[in-house]
Amino acid sequence: MNKPLSVDDVMKLLISIAEERKMKEDIEKGATIAGSGAFIGGLVGGPPGIAAVSVLRETLVELRLLL
């Protein structure tokens, strides 16, 4: 039987790929932007504000205006 992947195994894989591609700085920058956006959205609009900021960030990423 196949054993399901553990979260630790997936994280190790993603980290090794990121290190191989030297994406660490982009990941940290993206995490900082996402975290600060969620914080500000939460302060301004509560849970709907967090959702709105999330949608806005995804739209900007799709348009290649962010990261």
N, C-alpha and C. Protein backbone atom coordinates (compact mmCIF):
# COMPACT_ATOMS: atom_id res chain seq x y z
N MET A 1 0.82 -1.19 0.00
CA MET A 1 0.00 0.00 0.00
C MET A 1 0.86 1.25 0.00
N ASN A 2 0.37 2.27 -0.65
CA ASN A 2 1.08 3.54 -0.66
C ASN A 2 0.84 4.29 0.64
N LYS A 3 1.91 4.83 1.15
CA LYS A 3 1.83 5.62 2.38
C LYS A 3 1.57 7.09 1.99
N PRO A 4 0.61 7.75 2.64
CA PRO A 4 0.37 9.16 2.30
C PRO A 4 1.58 10.02 2.68
N LEU A 5 1.76 11.08 1.91
CA LEU A 5 2.87 11.99 2.19
C LEU A 5 2.61 12.76 3.47
N SER A 6 3.66 12.92 4.24
CA SER A 6 3.53 13.74 5.45
C SER A 6 3.82 15.20 5.09
N VAL A 7 3.34 16.09 5.92
CA VAL A 7 3.56 17.52 5.70
C VAL A 7 5.06 17.82 5.73
N ASP A 8 5.79 17.17 6.63
CA ASP A 8 7.23 17.40 6.73
C ASP A 8 7.94 17.00 5.44
N ASP A 9 7.55 15.87 4.85
CA ASP A 9 8.17 15.44 3.60
C ASP A 9 7.90 16.43 2.48
N VAL A 10 6.69 16.92 2.39
CA VAL A 10 6.34 17.89 1.35
C VAL A 10 7.12 19.19 1.55
N MET A 11 7.20 19.65 2.80
CA MET A 11 7.93 20.89 3.08
C MET A 11 9.42 20.73 2.75
N LYS A 12 10.02 19.59 3.08
CA LYS A 12 11.42 19.35 2.75
C LYS A 12 11.63 19.38 1.24
N LEU A 13 10.70 18.78 0.49
CA LEU A 13 10.80 18.78 -0.96
C LEU A 13 10.72 20.20 -1.51
N LEU A 14 9.75 20.98 -1.04
CA LEU A 14 9.58 22.34 -1.53
C LEU A 14 10.78 23.22 -1.18
N ILE A 15 11.33 23.03 0.02
CA ILE A 15 12.51 23.80 0.43
C ILE A 15 13.70 23.46 -0.45
N SER A 16 13.90 22.17 -0.73
CA SER A 16 15.04 21.79 -1.57
C SER A 16 14.89 22.33 -2.99
N ILE A 17 13.67 22.34 -3.51
CA ILE A 17 13.44 22.90 -4.85
C ILE A 17 13.71 24.40 -4.83
N ALA A 18 13.21 25.08 -3.80
CA ALA A 18 13.41 26.52 -3.69
C ALA A 18 14.89 26.86 -3.58
N GLU A 19 15.63 26.09 -2.81
CA GLU A 19 17.06 26.34 -2.66
C GLU A 19 17.78 26.08 -3.97
N GLU A 20 17.36 25.05 -4.67
CA GLU A 20 17.97 24.74 -5.96
C GLU A 20 17.75 25.87 -6.95
N ARG A 21 16.60 26.45 -6.90
CA ARG A 21 16.26 27.53 -7.83
C ARG A 21 16.53 28.91 -7.26
N LYS A 22 17.10 28.94 -6.07
CA LYS A 22 17.44 30.20 -5.39
C LYS A 22 16.23 31.12 -5.27
N MET A 23 15.13 30.53 -4.83
CA MET A 23 13.88 31.27 -4.70
C MET A 23 13.61 31.71 -3.27
N LYS A 24 14.56 31.52 -2.38
CA LYS A 24 14.32 31.79 -0.97
C LYS A 24 13.92 33.24 -0.72
N GLU A 25 14.60 34.18 -1.36
CA GLU A 25 14.29 35.59 -1.14
C GLU A 25 12.89 35.93 -1.63
N ASP A 26 12.49 35.38 -2.78
CA ASP A 26 11.15 35.63 -3.30
C ASP A 26 10.09 35.06 -2.37
N ILE A 27 10.35 33.89 -1.81
CA ILE A 27 9.39 33.26 -0.90
C ILE A 27 9.25 34.12 0.37
N GLU A 28 10.39 34.58 0.90
CA GLU A 28 10.34 35.42 2.10
C GLU A 28 9.62 36.73 1.81
N LYS A 29 9.89 37.32 0.65
CA LYS A 29 9.22 38.57 0.28
C LYS A 29 7.72 38.34 0.13
N GLY A 30 7.34 37.24 -0.51
CA GLY A 30 5.93 36.94 -0.68
C GLY A 30 5.24 36.69 0.65
N ALA A 31 5.92 36.01 1.55
CA ALA A 31 5.34 35.75 2.86
C ALA A 31 5.17 37.05 3.65
N THR A 32 6.14 37.95 3.52
CA THR A 32 6.05 39.24 4.21
C THR A 32 4.88 40.05 3.66
N ILE A 33 4.74 40.07 2.35
CA ILE A 33 3.64 40.83 1.73
C ILE A 33 2.30 40.22 2.11
N ALA A 34 2.20 38.90 2.05
CA ALA A 34 0.94 38.24 2.39
C ALA A 34 0.58 38.45 3.86
N GLY A 35 1.56 38.31 4.74
CA GLY A 35 1.30 38.48 6.16
C GLY A 35 0.91 39.90 6.53
N SER A 36 1.64 40.87 5.97
CA SER A 36 1.30 42.26 6.30
C SER A 36 -0.03 42.66 5.68
N GLY A 37 -0.32 42.16 4.49
CA GLY A 37 -1.62 42.45 3.87
C GLY A 37 -2.77 41.87 4.67
N ALA A 38 -2.60 40.65 5.14
CA ALA A 38 -3.65 40.02 5.94
C ALA A 38 -3.84 40.76 7.27
N PHE A 39 -2.74 41.20 7.85
CA PHE A 39 -2.82 41.94 9.11
C PHE A 39 -3.58 43.25 8.93
N ILE A 40 -3.19 44.01 7.91
CA ILE A 40 -3.86 45.29 7.65
C ILE A 40 -5.31 45.08 7.26
N GLY A 41 -5.56 44.09 6.40
CA GLY A 41 -6.94 43.80 6.02
C GLY A 41 -7.78 43.40 7.22
N GLY A 42 -7.20 42.63 8.13
CA GLY A 42 -7.91 42.24 9.34
C GLY A 42 -8.20 43.41 10.25
N LEU A 43 -7.25 44.33 10.36
CA LEU A 43 -7.47 45.52 11.19
C LEU A 43 -8.57 46.41 10.61
N VAL A 44 -8.55 46.57 9.30
CA VAL A 44 -9.49 47.49 8.66
C VAL A 44 -10.87 46.87 8.52
N GLY A 45 -10.93 45.61 8.07
CA GLY A 45 -12.24 45.06 7.76
C GLY A 45 -12.59 43.75 8.44
N GLY A 46 -11.77 43.31 9.38
CA GLY A 46 -12.06 42.03 10.04
C GLY A 46 -11.89 40.89 9.05
N PRO A 47 -12.58 39.77 9.26
CA PRO A 47 -12.46 38.62 8.35
C PRO A 47 -12.75 38.96 6.88
N PRO A 48 -13.77 39.77 6.58
CA PRO A 48 -13.97 40.13 5.17
C PRO A 48 -12.79 40.93 4.60
N GLY A 49 -12.13 41.70 5.43
CA GLY A 49 -10.95 42.45 4.99
C GLY A 49 -9.80 41.54 4.63
N ILE A 50 -9.61 40.48 5.41
CA ILE A 50 -8.56 39.50 5.11
C ILE A 50 -8.86 38.84 3.78
N ALA A 51 -10.12 38.47 3.56
CA ALA A 51 -10.50 37.84 2.29
C ALA A 51 -10.29 38.80 1.12
N ALA A 52 -10.66 40.06 1.30
CA ALA A 52 -10.51 41.05 0.22
C ALA A 52 -9.05 41.25 -0.14
N VAL A 53 -8.18 41.33 0.86
CA VAL A 53 -6.75 41.50 0.60
C VAL A 53 -6.19 40.27 -0.11
N SER A 54 -6.65 39.10 0.28
CA SER A 54 -6.20 37.87 -0.37
C SER A 54 -6.57 37.86 -1.84
N VAL A 55 -7.81 38.24 -2.15
CA VAL A 55 -8.25 38.29 -3.54
C VAL A 55 -7.45 39.33 -4.32
N LEU A 56 -7.22 40.49 -3.72
CA LEU A 56 -6.45 41.55 -4.37
C LEU A 56 -5.03 41.08 -4.65
N ARG A 57 -4.40 40.43 -3.69
CA ARG A 57 -3.03 39.95 -3.89
C ARG A 57 -2.97 38.93 -5.01
N GLU A 58 -3.90 37.99 -5.04
CA GLU A 58 -3.92 36.98 -6.10
C GLU A 58 -4.12 37.62 -7.47
N THR A 59 -4.95 38.65 -7.53
CA THR A 59 -5.18 39.36 -8.79
C THR A 59 -3.89 40.04 -9.25
N LEU A 60 -3.19 40.68 -8.33
CA LEU A 60 -1.93 41.35 -8.68
C LEU A 60 -0.87 40.34 -9.13
N VAL A 61 -0.85 39.18 -8.50
CA VAL A 61 0.10 38.15 -8.92
C VAL A 61 -0.25 37.65 -10.32
N GLU A 62 -1.54 37.44 -10.58
CA GLU A 62 -1.97 37.00 -11.91
C GLU A 62 -1.58 38.02 -12.98
N LEU A 63 -1.70 39.28 -12.66
CA LEU A 63 -1.35 40.33 -13.62
C LEU A 63 0.14 40.61 -13.65
N ARG A 64 0.88 39.87 -12.84
CA ARG A 64 2.34 40.00 -12.74
C ARG A 64 2.78 41.39 -12.29
N LEU A 65 1.97 42.00 -11.46
CA LEU A 65 2.32 43.29 -10.87
C LEU A 65 2.98 43.10 -9.51
N LEU A 66 2.90 41.90 -8.98
CA LEU A 66 3.44 41.60 -7.66
C LEU A 66 4.10 40.24 -7.73
N LEU A 67 5.34 40.14 -7.28
CA LEU A 67 6.10 38.89 -7.29
C LEU A 67 5.99 38.26 -8.64
